[in-house]
Amino acid sequence: MTTRRTSAARRLLATAFIGSILVLGGCSGSGGEPDGEGASGSASASATPGEAQPEPDLEGIPEVVAVVNGTEISRDLFTETYEGQFAQAAAQAQAAGQEVDQDLLRTTVADNLVSSELLRQEAARRGITASPEGRAAAIDELLQASGLASEDELRAALAEQGIDDAEFDEQLADQVTLDTLLAEEAGDTTPTDQEVQEAYDAAKAQQEAGGDTTTPIPPLEDVREQIVQQLAGGKTSEATQALIVRLRESADITGNL
């Protein structure tokens, strides 16, 4: 039986979710560029006022962009995702005086949607569901990222974007489930003291090699937590990429772009 993954069921919560799905930026099957979910939004401020903005090229996108083990990825979902990614890519390209490679971007978005679906299916196969503790932690993270004071304020802000409570709860459960899957796959990602020291020494050596002496790197203890988070994230990313490679090898995937 074929099921369909539509934008109504998988609507993105703008930039609200900053958890595991962002790891997919480096996990497309074709080795494309990151999907852009975690891209800096600063480039958008660099666009020249009044300058004509490029338009996303969605001509000829099929009704079903891909089928992943019997689940269809719809044109609506692809279009919604692509438009969000294109806005970021266009702003960054414009700031650099370049043009967006839309052929590459379309391929990357399609690949990342396939990768996301494979992870959702793997979570279901393992019987992973969103725990109450995971939901609470995810909401706390969203509140910190948004600067809002309470869950009620968060839900109200999302409602203004057209995301009602039912959709928010569905997306929250989806995100927590993926977080749980990736944490299970990665295992203990806490770096050793030696790994932290080596990363710090490498950063200092890189700065010295670049001749930048105006902004010296702070002492290790002042940046230890940042380095730990970066190294742990790297380990999770590597585990996720390896998992997606394995899932793709055994999956039945049809791409229609």
Protein backbone atom coordinates (compact mmCIF):
# COMPACT_ATOMS: atom_id res chain seq x y z
CA MET A 1 0.00 0.00 0.00
CA THR A 2 1.33 3.42 -0.96
CA THR A 3 1.14 6.30 1.51
CA ARG A 4 1.76 9.95 0.82
CA ARG A 5 3.94 12.40 2.71
CA THR A 6 2.35 15.80 2.18
CA SER A 7 3.14 19.32 3.28
CA ALA A 8 0.00 19.41 5.38
CA ALA A 9 1.31 16.50 7.41
CA ARG A 10 4.97 17.52 7.45
CA ARG A 11 4.87 21.29 7.57
CA LEU A 12 8.08 22.90 8.69
CA LEU A 13 7.91 25.01 11.84
CA ALA A 14 9.75 27.88 10.20
CA THR A 15 13.14 27.94 11.96
CA ALA A 16 11.76 26.69 15.26
CA PHE A 17 13.16 23.20 15.33
CA ILE A 18 16.92 23.17 15.76
CA GLY A 19 17.36 19.54 16.73
CA SER A 20 18.38 16.38 14.97
CA ILE A 21 16.90 16.99 11.56
CA LEU A 22 19.44 19.76 11.00
CA VAL A 23 22.10 17.08 10.91
CA LEU A 24 20.69 16.01 7.56
CA GLY A 25 22.34 18.97 5.93
CA GLY A 26 25.37 16.78 5.26
CA CYS A 27 23.55 13.57 4.55
CA SER A 28 22.10 13.72 1.07
CA GLY A 29 22.58 10.59 -0.98
CA SER A 30 24.14 12.46 -3.89
CA GLY A 31 26.70 14.24 -1.76
CA GLY A 32 25.07 17.62 -2.33
CA GLU A 33 25.44 20.75 -0.32
CA PRO A 34 23.83 21.07 3.10
CA ASP A 35 20.10 21.47 3.04
CA GLY A 36 20.42 24.88 4.64
CA GLU A 37 18.21 24.42 7.73
CA GLY A 38 21.01 25.63 9.93
CA ALA A 39 22.30 28.24 7.52
CA SER A 40 23.00 31.69 8.84
CA GLY A 41 20.22 34.13 8.26
CA SER A 42 22.62 37.06 8.30
CA ALA A 43 23.07 36.97 4.55
CA SER A 44 19.50 38.06 4.00
CA ALA A 45 20.33 41.39 5.56
CA SER A 46 23.06 41.90 2.96
CA ALA A 47 20.71 42.09 -0.02
CA THR A 48 20.66 45.50 -1.63
CA PRO A 49 17.36 47.31 -0.99
CA GLY A 50 15.27 47.52 -4.14
CA GLU A 51 17.34 44.91 -5.95
CA ALA A 52 15.29 42.36 -7.88
CA GLN A 53 15.03 39.10 -5.99
CA PRO A 54 15.45 35.82 -7.90
CA GLU A 55 12.48 33.48 -8.10
CA PRO A 56 12.48 29.75 -7.33
CA ASP A 57 12.25 27.64 -10.48
CA LEU A 58 9.64 24.96 -9.81
CA GLU A 59 8.52 24.38 -13.37
CA GLY A 60 7.98 20.74 -14.24
CA ILE A 61 8.07 19.37 -10.69
CA PRO A 62 6.12 16.08 -10.80
CA GLU A 63 3.13 15.34 -8.59
CA VAL A 64 5.22 12.68 -6.83
CA VAL A 65 8.84 13.73 -6.41
CA ALA A 66 10.03 10.44 -4.96
CA VAL A 67 8.76 7.18 -3.49
CA VAL A 68 10.57 5.79 -0.45
CA ASN A 69 9.65 2.22 0.44
CA GLY A 70 6.10 2.86 -0.72
CA THR A 71 5.74 6.33 0.80
CA GLU A 72 5.31 9.14 -1.70
CA ILE A 73 6.99 12.50 -1.24
CA SER A 74 4.55 14.94 -2.78
CA ARG A 75 5.13 17.96 -4.95
CA ASP A 76 3.50 20.11 -2.27
CA LEU A 77 6.00 19.03 0.35
CA PHE A 78 8.92 19.47 -2.04
CA THR A 79 7.69 22.91 -3.10
CA GLU A 80 7.24 24.14 0.46
CA THR A 81 10.67 22.87 1.46
CA TYR A 82 12.37 24.14 -1.68
CA GLU A 83 10.94 27.64 -1.36
CA GLY A 84 12.29 27.93 2.18
CA GLN A 85 15.72 26.66 1.18
CA PHE A 86 15.80 28.82 -1.93
CA ALA A 87 15.15 31.99 0.07
CA GLN A 88 18.20 31.28 2.22
CA ALA A 89 20.39 30.19 -0.68
CA ALA A 90 19.40 33.21 -2.79
CA ALA A 91 20.19 35.65 0.01
CA GLN A 92 23.60 34.09 0.57
CA ALA A 93 24.40 33.93 -3.14
CA GLN A 94 23.30 37.51 -3.66
CA ALA A 95 25.51 38.71 -0.83
CA ALA A 96 28.45 36.96 -2.52
CA GLY A 97 27.58 38.32 -5.96
CA GLN A 98 26.67 34.87 -7.27
CA GLU A 99 23.62 33.05 -8.57
CA VAL A 100 21.89 30.07 -7.03
CA ASP A 101 22.51 26.75 -8.79
CA GLN A 102 18.87 25.70 -8.78
CA ASP A 103 19.55 22.35 -10.43
CA LEU A 104 21.83 21.43 -7.53
CA LEU A 105 19.43 22.86 -4.97
CA ARG A 106 16.47 20.87 -6.33
CA THR A 107 18.53 17.68 -6.20
CA THR A 108 19.73 18.43 -2.68
CA VAL A 109 16.24 19.18 -1.36
CA ALA A 110 14.86 15.99 -2.90
CA ASP A 111 17.72 13.92 -1.48
CA ASN A 112 17.27 15.39 1.98
CA LEU A 113 13.53 14.72 1.94
CA VAL A 114 14.29 11.11 1.05
CA SER A 115 16.86 10.91 3.85
CA SER A 116 14.39 12.39 6.32
CA GLU A 117 11.75 9.86 5.33
CA LEU A 118 14.20 6.98 5.69
CA LEU A 119 15.00 8.10 9.23
CA ARG A 120 11.32 8.37 10.12
CA GLN A 121 10.72 4.87 8.80
CA GLU A 122 13.71 3.51 10.71
CA ALA A 123 12.45 5.09 13.92
CA ALA A 124 9.09 3.42 13.37
CA ARG A 125 10.78 0.08 12.66
CA ARG A 126 12.66 0.31 15.96
CA GLY A 127 9.51 1.24 17.83
CA ILE A 128 10.91 4.61 18.87
CA THR A 129 8.32 7.13 20.04
CA ALA A 130 8.46 10.55 21.64
CA SER A 131 8.64 10.35 25.42
CA PRO A 132 7.09 13.00 27.69
CA GLU A 133 10.58 13.86 28.91
CA GLY A 134 11.78 14.30 25.33
CA ARG A 135 8.84 16.52 24.49
CA ALA A 136 9.48 18.71 27.54
CA ALA A 137 13.17 19.04 26.68
CA ALA A 138 12.35 19.95 23.08
CA ILE A 139 9.91 22.64 24.18
CA ASP A 140 12.53 24.08 26.55
CA GLU A 141 14.97 24.22 23.63
CA LEU A 142 12.40 25.95 21.45
CA LEU A 143 11.71 28.51 24.16
CA GLN A 144 15.41 29.26 24.53
CA ALA A 145 15.84 29.60 20.77
CA SER A 146 12.80 31.83 20.35
CA GLY A 147 13.21 33.93 23.47
CA LEU A 148 9.61 33.26 24.47
CA ALA A 149 8.69 32.79 28.11
CA SER A 150 6.21 29.92 28.04
CA GLU A 151 4.77 27.11 25.96
CA ASP A 152 1.54 29.06 25.65
CA GLU A 153 3.41 31.96 24.10
CA LEU A 154 5.20 29.58 21.74
CA ARG A 155 1.95 27.99 20.60
CA ALA A 156 0.38 31.42 20.12
CA ALA A 157 3.32 32.57 18.00
CA LEU A 158 3.10 29.46 15.83
CA ALA A 159 -0.66 29.88 15.51
CA GLU A 160 0.01 33.29 13.96
CA GLN A 161 2.05 31.44 11.32
CA GLY A 162 -0.86 29.13 10.63
CA ILE A 163 0.40 26.21 12.73
CA ASP A 164 -2.29 25.02 15.11
CA ASP A 165 -1.84 22.96 18.27
CA ALA A 166 -2.49 19.63 16.57
CA GLU A 167 0.11 20.30 13.91
CA PHE A 168 2.60 21.57 16.46
CA ASP A 169 2.15 18.44 18.58
CA GLU A 170 2.63 16.24 15.52
CA GLN A 171 5.80 18.04 14.49
CA LEU A 172 7.12 18.05 18.04
CA ALA A 173 6.58 14.30 18.35
CA ASP A 174 8.28 13.80 14.98
CA GLN A 175 11.29 15.84 16.03
CA VAL A 176 11.67 14.15 19.40
CA THR A 177 11.41 10.75 17.75
CA LEU A 178 14.21 11.62 15.34
CA ASP A 179 16.32 13.03 18.16
CA THR A 180 15.88 9.76 20.04
CA LEU A 181 16.78 7.69 16.98
CA LEU A 182 19.96 9.64 16.31
CA ALA A 183 20.99 9.59 19.97
CA GLU A 184 20.50 5.82 20.01
CA GLU A 185 22.51 5.43 16.82
CA ALA A 186 25.36 7.70 17.90
CA GLY A 187 25.71 6.30 21.42
CA ASP A 188 27.95 8.19 23.84
CA THR A 189 29.20 11.26 21.97
CA THR A 190 30.97 12.90 24.91
CA PRO A 191 34.50 13.77 23.74
CA THR A 192 37.51 12.84 25.81
CA ASP A 193 39.72 15.46 27.43
CA GLN A 194 42.35 14.62 24.82
CA GLU A 195 39.92 15.23 21.96
CA VAL A 196 38.94 18.58 23.46
CA GLN A 197 42.57 19.58 23.89
CA GLU A 198 43.43 18.53 20.34
CA ALA A 199 40.53 20.52 18.92
CA TYR A 200 41.57 23.58 20.90
CA ASP A 201 45.21 23.25 19.84
CA ALA A 202 44.15 22.87 16.20
CA ALA A 203 42.06 26.03 16.39
CA LYS A 204 44.95 27.99 17.84
CA ALA A 205 47.36 26.63 15.23
CA GLN A 206 44.95 27.57 12.45
CA GLN A 207 44.63 31.09 13.79
CA GLU A 208 48.38 31.47 14.07
CA ALA A 209 48.87 30.13 10.55
CA GLY A 210 46.39 32.70 9.29
CA GLY A 211 48.28 35.50 10.98
CA ASP A 212 45.24 36.71 12.93
CA THR A 213 46.50 38.14 16.19
CA THR A 214 43.78 40.74 16.76
CA THR A 215 41.25 38.34 18.30
CA PRO A 216 43.15 35.72 20.29
CA ILE A 217 41.34 32.52 21.17
CA PRO A 218 40.20 32.55 24.81
CA PRO A 219 41.69 30.10 27.33
CA LEU A 220 40.55 26.51 26.96
CA GLU A 221 38.36 26.52 30.05
CA ASP A 222 36.43 29.50 28.71
CA VAL A 223 35.51 27.69 25.49
CA ARG A 224 35.49 24.08 26.68
CA GLU A 225 31.70 23.76 26.64
CA GLN A 226 31.52 25.12 23.11
CA ILE A 227 34.17 22.67 21.91
CA VAL A 228 32.44 19.76 23.64
CA GLN A 229 29.16 20.62 21.93
CA GLN A 230 30.86 20.95 18.56
CA LEU A 231 32.67 17.63 18.86
CA ALA A 232 29.56 15.83 20.12
CA GLY A 233 27.56 17.26 17.23
CA GLY A 234 30.19 16.07 14.80
CA LYS A 235 29.99 12.53 16.17
CA THR A 236 26.20 12.55 15.88
CA SER A 237 26.45 13.85 12.32
CA GLU A 238 28.88 11.10 11.35
CA ALA A 239 26.64 8.43 12.88
CA THR A 240 23.62 9.86 11.08
CA GLN A 241 25.38 9.91 7.74
CA ALA A 242 26.50 6.32 8.19
CA LEU A 243 22.96 5.27 9.12
CA ILE A 244 21.46 6.95 6.07
CA VAL A 245 24.00 5.25 3.80
CA ARG A 246 22.97 1.87 5.22
CA LEU A 247 19.27 2.66 4.93
CA ARG A 248 19.66 3.76 1.33
CA GLU A 249 21.45 0.56 0.41
CA SER A 250 18.47 -1.57 1.39
CA ALA A 251 15.68 0.87 0.51
CA ASP A 252 13.38 0.91 -2.49
CA ILE A 253 13.70 4.50 -3.71
CA THR A 254 12.30 5.96 -6.90
CA GLY A 255 13.23 9.53 -7.78
CA ASN A 256 11.15 11.39 -10.34
CA LEU A 257 12.95 14.72 -10.70
